[in-house]
Amino acid sequence: MEFFESLHPVALAALGTGFTFFMTALGAAMVFFIRDENNASLQRIFLGFAAGVMIAASVWSLLIPAIELGEELGMPGWLPAAGGFVLGVVFLLLLDTIIPHLHPGSTDSEGPKTKLPGSTLMVLAVTLHNIPEGMAVGLACAMAASGTGSAAAAIALCIGMGLQNFPEGAAVSLPLQKDGFSKGKAFVYGALSGFVEPVGGILAVLVAGGIAPLMPWFLSFAAGAMMYVVVEELIPEANLGEHSNSGTIGALAGFLIMMILDVALG
């Protein structure tokens, strides 16, 4: 743990988000091994798992630390937690509105009308959702490096986000292969959808790290953005179909694993 705490906040944020990016790329590599990309039940499990991880991470890794840090800075704990949360929701809602994108498994694009191919719109959709994940991991790592947070908690968050990024990478690369892309090109697109995580994480650290009172706001901002993704897309898509128990079980399993990781390590 001392090694991680000795790193510069930006360096540790780059390391943490680099791991989650790697897990996205690893998931995208499944295009070289999996032929059946139409297993609806498996996809619902993956979506539910991602939702559960993000809900637990939003509470234990972001909102609770935001409240505690806000109180340490002399402000009411609920103020940065609630204010940042709302700003995060508005931010993702705005991006969802102004950027054209296509969710995996859907045929109707969202956002402004565009002539961009469906493959590009699908990558944009996953990329949008990776922004708050990158911010969350980057900020947790920055807090660990600066001594305001726990290195163990940051590691737990990295593991949890990495676990749910694995199926996200596959959710991009496998449908692209089905649409006629070569395996190599489908892999590259799937991997690149996670590249925004290091970018978003490092930028958040550079902004919040320079002004200490902003840190609790940024933590809850990331929580609000992630919860928007969970409620707007992951949970509805995980419960598609007549029998959605697989999505529900996936969500509960993701929540349980992330909670155990955070509490046990943090």
C-alpha atoms as a PDB file:
ATOM      1  CA  MET A   1       0.000   0.000   0.000  1.00  0.00           C
ATOM      2  CA  GLU A   2       2.890   2.361   0.764  1.00  0.00           C
ATOM      3  CA  PHE A   3       4.013   2.175  -2.856  1.00  0.00           C
ATOM      4  CA  PHE A   4       0.644   3.388  -4.108  1.00  0.00           C
ATOM      5  CA  GLU A   5       0.415   6.138  -1.493  1.00  0.00           C
ATOM      6  CA  SER A   6       3.895   7.364  -2.466  1.00  0.00           C
ATOM      7  CA  LEU A   7       2.895   8.032  -6.068  1.00  0.00           C
ATOM      8  CA  HIS A   8       1.819  11.425  -7.372  1.00  0.00           C
ATOM      9  CA  PRO A   9      -1.997  11.692  -7.520  1.00  0.00           C
ATOM     10  CA  VAL A  10      -1.975  12.006 -11.318  1.00  0.00           C
ATOM     11  CA  ALA A  11       0.369   9.017 -11.648  1.00  0.00           C
ATOM     12  CA  LEU A  12      -1.813   6.856  -9.410  1.00  0.00           C
ATOM     13  CA  ALA A  13      -4.945   7.980 -11.271  1.00  0.00           C
ATOM     14  CA  ALA A  14      -3.271   7.030 -14.557  1.00  0.00           C
ATOM     15  CA  LEU A  15      -2.358   3.632 -13.105  1.00  0.00           C
ATOM     16  CA  GLY A  16      -5.866   2.954 -11.815  1.00  0.00           C
ATOM     17  CA  THR A  17      -7.710   4.072 -14.939  1.00  0.00           C
ATOM     18  CA  GLY A  18      -5.117   2.306 -17.059  1.00  0.00           C
ATOM     19  CA  PHE A  19      -6.139  -0.946 -15.366  1.00  0.00           C
ATOM     20  CA  THR A  20      -9.838  -0.387 -16.063  1.00  0.00           C
ATOM     21  CA  PHE A  21      -8.992   0.481 -19.684  1.00  0.00           C
ATOM     22  CA  PHE A  22      -6.988  -2.737 -19.924  1.00  0.00           C
ATOM     23  CA  MET A  23      -9.985  -4.729 -18.660  1.00  0.00           C
ATOM     24  CA  THR A  24     -12.172  -3.137 -21.347  1.00  0.00           C
ATOM     25  CA  ALA A  25      -9.615  -4.168 -23.967  1.00  0.00           C
ATOM     26  CA  LEU A  26      -9.463  -7.663 -22.471  1.00  0.00           C
ATOM     27  CA  GLY A  27     -13.229  -7.937 -22.781  1.00  0.00           C
ATOM     28  CA  ALA A  28     -13.094  -6.705 -26.368  1.00  0.00           C
ATOM     29  CA  ALA A  29     -10.567  -9.490 -27.083  1.00  0.00           C
ATOM     30  CA  MET A  30     -13.345 -12.024 -26.481  1.00  0.00           C
ATOM     31  CA  VAL A  31     -14.225 -11.438 -30.129  1.00  0.00           C
ATOM     32  CA  PHE A  32     -11.355 -13.803 -30.928  1.00  0.00           C
ATOM     33  CA  PHE A  33     -12.778 -16.592 -28.756  1.00  0.00           C
ATOM     34  CA  ILE A  34     -16.583 -16.315 -28.580  1.00  0.00           C
ATOM     35  CA  ARG A  35     -18.790 -17.107 -31.548  1.00  0.00           C
ATOM     36  CA  ASP A  36     -22.239 -16.837 -30.007  1.00  0.00           C
ATOM     37  CA  GLU A  37     -22.843 -13.125 -29.499  1.00  0.00           C
ATOM     38  CA  ASN A  38     -26.629 -13.558 -29.263  1.00  0.00           C
ATOM     39  CA  ASN A  39     -26.884 -15.088 -25.787  1.00  0.00           C
ATOM     40  CA  ALA A  40     -29.526 -12.711 -24.454  1.00  0.00           C
ATOM     41  CA  SER A  41     -29.534 -14.170 -20.949  1.00  0.00           C
ATOM     42  CA  LEU A  42     -25.753 -13.764 -20.634  1.00  0.00           C
ATOM     43  CA  GLN A  43     -25.970 -10.179 -21.860  1.00  0.00           C
ATOM     44  CA  ARG A  44     -28.626  -9.397 -19.251  1.00  0.00           C
ATOM     45  CA  ILE A  45     -26.415 -10.862 -16.534  1.00  0.00           C
ATOM     46  CA  PHE A  46     -23.509  -8.671 -17.663  1.00  0.00           C
ATOM     47  CA  LEU A  47     -25.683  -5.555 -17.793  1.00  0.00           C
ATOM     48  CA  GLY A  48     -27.168  -6.279 -14.380  1.00  0.00           C
ATOM     49  CA  PHE A  49     -23.728  -6.954 -12.927  1.00  0.00           C
ATOM     50  CA  ALA A  50     -22.443  -3.614 -14.219  1.00  0.00           C
ATOM     51  CA  ALA A  51     -25.478  -1.857 -12.711  1.00  0.00           C
ATOM     52  CA  GLY A  52     -24.932  -3.479  -9.318  1.00  0.00           C
ATOM     53  CA  VAL A  53     -21.249  -2.600  -9.243  1.00  0.00           C
ATOM     54  CA  MET A  54     -21.940   1.019 -10.184  1.00  0.00           C
ATOM     55  CA  ILE A  55     -24.688   1.447  -7.567  1.00  0.00           C
ATOM     56  CA  ALA A  56     -22.483   0.092  -4.779  1.00  0.00           C
ATOM     57  CA  ALA A  57     -19.488   2.111  -5.962  1.00  0.00           C
ATOM     58  CA  SER A  58     -21.595   5.273  -6.092  1.00  0.00           C
ATOM     59  CA  VAL A  59     -22.576   4.865  -2.446  1.00  0.00           C
ATOM     60  CA  TRP A  60     -19.497   3.448  -0.698  1.00  0.00           C
ATOM     61  CA  SER A  61     -16.704   4.782  -2.905  1.00  0.00           C
ATOM     62  CA  LEU A  62     -18.107   8.193  -3.847  1.00  0.00           C
ATOM     63  CA  LEU A  63     -21.069   9.579  -1.903  1.00  0.00           C
ATOM     64  CA  ILE A  64     -20.002   8.517   1.596  1.00  0.00           C
ATOM     65  CA  PRO A  65     -16.428   9.826   1.085  1.00  0.00           C
ATOM     66  CA  ALA A  66     -17.901  13.039  -0.386  1.00  0.00           C
ATOM     67  CA  ILE A  67     -20.017  13.563   2.736  1.00  0.00           C
ATOM     68  CA  GLU A  68     -17.100  12.840   5.078  1.00  0.00           C
ATOM     69  CA  LEU A  69     -14.668  15.025   3.148  1.00  0.00           C
ATOM     70  CA  GLY A  70     -17.185  17.858   2.955  1.00  0.00           C
ATOM     71  CA  GLU A  71     -17.634  17.789   6.727  1.00  0.00           C
ATOM     72  CA  GLU A  72     -13.856  17.787   7.214  1.00  0.00           C
ATOM     73  CA  LEU A  73     -13.712  20.934   5.061  1.00  0.00           C
ATOM     74  CA  GLY A  74     -16.257  22.651   7.311  1.00  0.00           C
ATOM     75  CA  MET A  75     -19.364  22.449   5.139  1.00  0.00           C
ATOM     76  CA  PRO A  76     -22.610  20.481   5.624  1.00  0.00           C
ATOM     77  CA  GLY A  77     -21.856  16.982   4.330  1.00  0.00           C
ATOM     78  CA  TRP A  78     -25.085  16.738   2.389  1.00  0.00           C
ATOM     79  CA  LEU A  79     -24.390  19.903   0.392  1.00  0.00           C
ATOM     80  CA  PRO A  80     -21.542  18.688  -1.880  1.00  0.00           C
ATOM     81  CA  ALA A  81     -23.052  15.195  -1.958  1.00  0.00           C
ATOM     82  CA  ALA A  82     -26.441  16.372  -3.193  1.00  0.00           C
ATOM     83  CA  GLY A  83     -25.177  19.281  -5.285  1.00  0.00           C
ATOM     84  CA  GLY A  84     -22.494  17.275  -7.071  1.00  0.00           C
ATOM     85  CA  PHE A  85     -24.912  14.390  -7.595  1.00  0.00           C
ATOM     86  CA  VAL A  86     -27.416  16.628  -9.361  1.00  0.00           C
ATOM     87  CA  LEU A  87     -24.691  18.200 -11.500  1.00  0.00           C
ATOM     88  CA  GLY A  88     -23.475  14.744 -12.534  1.00  0.00           C
ATOM     89  CA  VAL A  89     -26.959  13.696 -13.591  1.00  0.00           C
ATOM     90  CA  VAL A  90     -27.434  16.911 -15.581  1.00  0.00           C
ATOM     91  CA  PHE A  91     -24.032  16.485 -17.232  1.00  0.00           C
ATOM     92  CA  LEU A  92     -24.798  12.946 -18.479  1.00  0.00           C
ATOM     93  CA  LEU A  93     -28.305  13.975 -19.498  1.00  0.00           C
ATOM     94  CA  LEU A  94     -26.821  16.798 -21.560  1.00  0.00           C
ATOM     95  CA  LEU A  95     -24.281  14.513 -23.237  1.00  0.00           C
ATOM     96  CA  ASP A  96     -27.008  11.946 -23.882  1.00  0.00           C
ATOM     97  CA  THR A  97     -29.014  14.664 -25.612  1.00  0.00           C
ATOM     98  CA  ILE A  98     -26.385  16.371 -27.764  1.00  0.00           C
ATOM     99  CA  ILE A  99     -24.213  13.388 -28.790  1.00  0.00           C
ATOM    100  CA  PRO A 100     -25.705  10.857 -31.214  1.00  0.00           C
ATOM    101  CA  HIS A 101     -25.270   7.274 -30.011  1.00  0.00           C
ATOM    102  CA  LEU A 102     -26.677   3.777 -30.328  1.00  0.00           C
ATOM    103  CA  HIS A 103     -26.945   1.378 -27.422  1.00  0.00           C
ATOM    104  CA  PRO A 104     -25.790  -2.217 -28.022  1.00  0.00           C
ATOM    105  CA  GLY A 105     -28.714  -4.395 -29.029  1.00  0.00           C
ATOM    106  CA  SER A 106     -30.827  -1.424 -30.130  1.00  0.00           C
ATOM    107  CA  THR A 107     -31.758  -0.384 -33.662  1.00  0.00           C
ATOM    108  CA  ASP A 108     -32.875   3.183 -32.902  1.00  0.00           C
ATOM    109  CA  SER A 109     -30.184   5.796 -32.269  1.00  0.00           C
ATOM    110  CA  GLU A 110     -30.551   8.515 -29.645  1.00  0.00           C
ATOM    111  CA  GLY A 111     -29.557  12.159 -29.729  1.00  0.00           C
ATOM    112  CA  PRO A 112     -29.404  14.345 -32.858  1.00  0.00           C
ATOM    113  CA  LYS A 113     -30.075  12.783 -36.234  1.00  0.00           C
ATOM    114  CA  THR A 114     -26.869  11.755 -37.954  1.00  0.00           C
ATOM    115  CA  LYS A 115     -25.540   9.804 -40.905  1.00  0.00           C
ATOM    116  CA  LEU A 116     -22.799   8.198 -38.833  1.00  0.00           C
ATOM    117  CA  PRO A 117     -22.712   4.398 -39.148  1.00  0.00           C
ATOM    118  CA  GLY A 118     -24.242   2.315 -36.395  1.00  0.00           C
ATOM    119  CA  SER A 119     -20.845   0.967 -35.359  1.00  0.00           C
ATOM    120  CA  THR A 120     -19.596   4.476 -34.575  1.00  0.00           C
ATOM    121  CA  LEU A 121     -22.781   5.320 -32.678  1.00  0.00           C
ATOM    122  CA  MET A 122     -22.437   2.156 -30.597  1.00  0.00           C
ATOM    123  CA  VAL A 123     -18.868   3.014 -29.619  1.00  0.00           C
ATOM    124  CA  LEU A 124     -20.006   6.538 -28.703  1.00  0.00           C
ATOM    125  CA  ALA A 125     -22.700   5.115 -26.403  1.00  0.00           C
ATOM    126  CA  VAL A 126     -20.255   2.992 -24.412  1.00  0.00           C
ATOM    127  CA  THR A 127     -17.709   5.818 -24.406  1.00  0.00           C
ATOM    128  CA  LEU A 128     -20.266   8.176 -22.832  1.00  0.00           C
ATOM    129  CA  HIS A 129     -20.840   5.736 -20.009  1.00  0.00           C
ATOM    130  CA  ASN A 130     -17.138   5.274 -19.366  1.00  0.00           C
ATOM    131  CA  ILE A 131     -16.604   8.967 -18.570  1.00  0.00           C
ATOM    132  CA  PRO A 132     -18.021   8.854 -15.002  1.00  0.00           C
ATOM    133  CA  GLU A 133     -16.336   5.509 -14.370  1.00  0.00           C
ATOM    134  CA  GLY A 134     -12.969   7.018 -15.254  1.00  0.00           C
ATOM    135  CA  MET A 135     -13.664  10.025 -13.051  1.00  0.00           C
ATOM    136  CA  ALA A 136     -14.599   7.804 -10.107  1.00  0.00           C
ATOM    137  CA  VAL A 137     -11.462   5.671 -10.333  1.00  0.00           C
ATOM    138  CA  GLY A 138      -9.196   8.653 -10.960  1.00  0.00           C
ATOM    139  CA  LEU A 139     -10.551  10.624  -8.003  1.00  0.00           C
ATOM    140  CA  ALA A 140     -10.356   7.638  -5.637  1.00  0.00           C
ATOM    141  CA  CYS A 141      -6.731   7.077  -6.641  1.00  0.00           C
ATOM    142  CA  ALA A 142      -5.927  10.771  -6.231  1.00  0.00           C
ATOM    143  CA  MET A 143      -7.394  10.769  -2.721  1.00  0.00           C
ATOM    144  CA  ALA A 144      -5.303   7.718  -1.818  1.00  0.00           C
ATOM    145  CA  ALA A 145      -2.126   9.354  -3.104  1.00  0.00           C
ATOM    146  CA  SER A 146      -2.840  12.628  -1.288  1.00  0.00           C
ATOM    147  CA  GLY A 147      -3.627  10.925   2.023  1.00  0.00           C
ATOM    148  CA  THR A 148      -7.300  11.963   2.143  1.00  0.00           C
ATOM    149  CA  GLY A 149      -8.462   8.509   1.096  1.00  0.00           C
ATOM    150  CA  SER A 150      -7.553   4.863   1.477  1.00  0.00           C
ATOM    151  CA  ALA A 151      -5.303   3.094  -1.031  1.00  0.00           C
ATOM    152  CA  ALA A 152      -7.164  -0.141  -0.276  1.00  0.00           C
ATOM    153  CA  ALA A 153     -10.486   1.522  -1.090  1.00  0.00           C
ATOM    154  CA  ALA A 154      -9.070   2.846  -4.366  1.00  0.00           C
ATOM    155  CA  ILE A 155      -7.812  -0.633  -5.258  1.00  0.00           C
ATOM    156  CA  ALA A 156     -11.232  -2.100  -4.459  1.00  0.00           C
ATOM    157  CA  LEU A 157     -12.891   0.407  -6.762  1.00  0.00           C
ATOM    158  CA  CYS A 158     -10.392  -0.339  -9.542  1.00  0.00           C
ATOM    159  CA  ILE A 159     -11.099  -4.064  -9.215  1.00  0.00           C
ATOM    160  CA  GLY A 160     -14.865  -3.554  -9.228  1.00  0.00           C
ATOM    161  CA  MET A 161     -14.829  -1.224 -12.220  1.00  0.00           C
ATOM    162  CA  GLY A 162     -12.422  -3.506 -14.027  1.00  0.00           C
ATOM    163  CA  LEU A 163     -14.721  -6.489 -13.508  1.00  0.00           C
ATOM    164  CA  GLN A 164     -17.690  -4.673 -15.003  1.00  0.00           C
ATOM    165  CA  ASN A 165     -15.623  -3.177 -17.839  1.00  0.00           C
ATOM    166  CA  PHE A 166     -14.744  -6.648 -19.098  1.00  0.00           C
ATOM    167  CA  PRO A 167     -18.265  -7.416 -20.417  1.00  0.00           C
ATOM    168  CA  GLU A 168     -18.579  -3.827 -21.675  1.00  0.00           C
ATOM    169  CA  GLY A 169     -15.674  -4.363 -24.050  1.00  0.00           C
ATOM    170  CA  ALA A 170     -17.232  -7.588 -25.300  1.00  0.00           C
ATOM    171  CA  ALA A 171     -20.608  -5.845 -25.680  1.00  0.00           C
ATOM    172  CA  VAL A 172     -19.015  -3.586 -28.303  1.00  0.00           C
ATOM    173  CA  SER A 173     -16.688  -5.941 -30.163  1.00  0.00           C
ATOM    174  CA  LEU A 174     -19.036  -8.923 -30.562  1.00  0.00           C
ATOM    175  CA  PRO A 175     -21.932  -7.024 -32.214  1.00  0.00           C
ATOM    176  CA  LEU A 176     -19.431  -5.246 -34.480  1.00  0.00           C
ATOM    177  CA  GLN A 177     -18.139  -8.596 -35.695  1.00  0.00           C
ATOM    178  CA  LYS A 178     -21.708  -9.669 -36.333  1.00  0.00           C
ATOM    179  CA  ASP A 179     -22.189  -6.525 -38.452  1.00  0.00           C
ATOM    180  CA  GLY A 180     -19.340  -7.527 -40.745  1.00  0.00           C
ATOM    181  CA  PHE A 181     -16.255  -6.041 -39.103  1.00  0.00           C
ATOM    182  CA  SER A 182     -13.098  -8.104 -39.049  1.00  0.00           C
ATOM    183  CA  LYS A 183     -12.151  -9.509 -35.647  1.00  0.00           C
ATOM    184  CA  GLY A 184      -9.156  -7.184 -35.469  1.00  0.00           C
ATOM    185  CA  LYS A 185     -11.168  -4.065 -36.234  1.00  0.00           C
ATOM    186  CA  ALA A 186     -13.977  -5.081 -33.857  1.00  0.00           C
ATOM    187  CA  PHE A 187     -11.394  -5.555 -31.120  1.00  0.00           C
ATOM    188  CA  VAL A 188      -9.844  -2.123 -31.717  1.00  0.00           C
ATOM    189  CA  TYR A 189     -13.237  -0.385 -31.585  1.00  0.00           C
ATOM    190  CA  GLY A 190     -14.179  -2.243 -28.401  1.00  0.00           C
ATOM    191  CA  ALA A 191     -10.883  -1.413 -26.725  1.00  0.00           C
ATOM    192  CA  LEU A 192     -10.977   2.255 -27.737  1.00  0.00           C
ATOM    193  CA  SER A 193     -14.407   2.662 -26.134  1.00  0.00           C
ATOM    194  CA  GLY A 194     -12.603   2.452 -22.792  1.00  0.00           C
ATOM    195  CA  PHE A 195      -9.844   4.927 -23.608  1.00  0.00           C
ATOM    196  CA  VAL A 196     -11.948   7.804 -22.293  1.00  0.00           C
ATOM    197  CA  GLU A 197     -11.549   6.422 -18.754  1.00  0.00           C
ATOM    198  CA  PRO A 198      -7.861   7.401 -18.354  1.00  0.00           C
ATOM    199  CA  VAL A 199      -8.597  10.729 -20.051  1.00  0.00           C
ATOM    200  CA  GLY A 200     -11.617  11.516 -17.856  1.00  0.00           C
ATOM    201  CA  GLY A 201      -9.932  10.289 -14.679  1.00  0.00           C
ATOM    202  CA  ILE A 202      -6.747  12.309 -15.150  1.00  0.00           C
ATOM    203  CA  LEU A 203      -8.624  15.477 -16.157  1.00  0.00           C
ATOM    204  CA  ALA A 204     -10.866  15.205 -13.074  1.00  0.00           C
ATOM    205  CA  VAL A 205      -7.808  14.840 -10.838  1.00  0.00           C
ATOM    206  CA  LEU A 206      -6.070  17.828 -12.427  1.00  0.00           C
ATOM    207  CA  VAL A 207      -9.110  20.043 -11.849  1.00  0.00           C
ATOM    208  CA  ALA A 208     -10.242  18.795  -8.426  1.00  0.00           C
ATOM    209  CA  GLY A 209      -6.720  18.242  -7.100  1.00  0.00           C
ATOM    210  CA  GLY A 210      -5.782  21.868  -7.618  1.00  0.00           C
ATOM    211  CA  ILE A 211      -8.683  23.133  -5.488  1.00  0.00           C
ATOM    212  CA  ALA A 212      -9.235  20.907  -2.411  1.00  0.00           C
ATOM    213  CA  PRO A 213     -12.827  22.066  -1.648  1.00  0.00           C
ATOM    214  CA  LEU A 214     -13.865  20.788  -5.099  1.00  0.00           C
ATOM    215  CA  MET A 215     -12.979  17.157  -4.342  1.00  0.00           C
ATOM    216  CA  PRO A 216     -16.241  16.204  -2.538  1.00  0.00           C
ATOM    217  CA  TRP A 217     -18.208  17.864  -5.340  1.00  0.00           C
ATOM    218  CA  PHE A 218     -16.335  15.883  -7.979  1.00  0.00           C
ATOM    219  CA  LEU A 219     -16.812  12.625  -6.075  1.00  0.00           C
ATOM    220  CA  SER A 220     -20.587  13.072  -5.899  1.00  0.00           C
ATOM    221  CA  PHE A 221     -20.591  14.381  -9.500  1.00  0.00           C
ATOM    222  CA  ALA A 222     -19.151  11.042 -10.633  1.00  0.00           C
ATOM    223  CA  ALA A 223     -21.744   9.229  -8.500  1.00  0.00           C
ATOM    224  CA  GLY A 224     -24.618  11.146 -10.079  1.00  0.00           C
ATOM    225  CA  ALA A 225     -23.314  10.524 -13.581  1.00  0.00           C
ATOM    226  CA  MET A 226     -22.940   6.790 -12.909  1.00  0.00           C
ATOM    227  CA  MET A 227     -26.409   6.517 -11.367  1.00  0.00           C
ATOM    228  CA  TYR A 228     -27.852   8.205 -14.449  1.00  0.00           C
ATOM    229  CA  VAL A 229     -26.283   5.482 -16.603  1.00  0.00           C
ATOM    230  CA  VAL A 230     -27.614   2.774 -14.294  1.00  0.00           C
ATOM    231  CA  VAL A 231     -31.204   4.041 -14.206  1.00  0.00           C
ATOM    232  CA  GLU A 232     -31.437   5.289 -17.785  1.00  0.00           C
ATOM    233  CA  GLU A 233     -29.901   2.305 -19.540  1.00  0.00           C
ATOM    234  CA  LEU A 234     -28.403  -0.605 -17.606  1.00  0.00           C
ATOM    235  CA  ILE A 235     -31.366  -1.618 -15.445  1.00  0.00           C
ATOM    236  CA  PRO A 236     -33.977  -1.292 -18.243  1.00  0.00           C
ATOM    237  CA  GLU A 237     -31.825  -3.296 -20.677  1.00  0.00           C
ATOM    238  CA  ALA A 238     -30.969  -5.912 -18.041  1.00  0.00           C
ATOM    239  CA  ASN A 239     -34.695  -6.542 -17.546  1.00  0.00           C
ATOM    240  CA  LEU A 240     -35.736  -6.864 -21.184  1.00  0.00           C
ATOM    241  CA  GLY A 241     -37.728  -9.973 -22.070  1.00  0.00           C
ATOM    242  CA  GLU A 242     -40.349 -12.075 -20.361  1.00  0.00           C
ATOM    243  CA  HIS A 243     -37.930 -13.700 -17.914  1.00  0.00           C
ATOM    244  CA  SER A 244     -35.520 -11.103 -16.560  1.00  0.00           C
ATOM    245  CA  ASN A 245     -34.352 -12.962 -13.451  1.00  0.00           C
ATOM    246  CA  SER A 246     -30.865 -13.233 -14.948  1.00  0.00           C
ATOM    247  CA  GLY A 247     -30.507  -9.442 -15.072  1.00  0.00           C
ATOM    248  CA  THR A 248     -31.805  -9.085 -11.521  1.00  0.00           C
ATOM    249  CA  ILE A 249     -29.431 -11.730 -10.195  1.00  0.00           C
ATOM    250  CA  GLY A 250     -26.548 -10.102 -12.073  1.00  0.00           C
ATOM    251  CA  ALA A 251     -27.333  -6.731 -10.479  1.00  0.00           C
ATOM    252  CA  LEU A 252     -27.529  -8.189  -6.982  1.00  0.00           C
ATOM    253  CA  ALA A 253     -24.288 -10.109  -7.494  1.00  0.00           C
ATOM    254  CA  GLY A 254     -22.503  -6.992  -8.760  1.00  0.00           C
ATOM    255  CA  PHE A 255     -23.750  -4.939  -5.812  1.00  0.00           C
ATOM    256  CA  LEU A 256     -22.730  -7.626  -3.318  1.00  0.00           C
ATOM    257  CA  ILE A 257     -19.229  -8.079  -4.759  1.00  0.00           C
ATOM    258  CA  MET A 258     -18.529  -4.336  -4.946  1.00  0.00           C
ATOM    259  CA  MET A 259     -19.859  -3.809  -1.413  1.00  0.00           C
ATOM    260  CA  ILE A 260     -17.659  -6.597  -0.039  1.00  0.00           C
ATOM    261  CA  LEU A 261     -14.604  -5.278  -1.899  1.00  0.00           C
ATOM    262  CA  ASP A 262     -15.143  -1.751  -0.648  1.00  0.00           C
ATOM    263  CA  VAL A 263     -15.934  -2.606   2.965  1.00  0.00           C
ATOM    264  CA  ALA A 264     -13.347  -5.380   3.330  1.00  0.00           C
ATOM    265  CA  LEU A 265     -10.488  -3.512   1.661  1.00  0.00           C
ATOM    266  CA  GLY A 266     -11.508   0.054   2.447  1.00  0.00           C
END
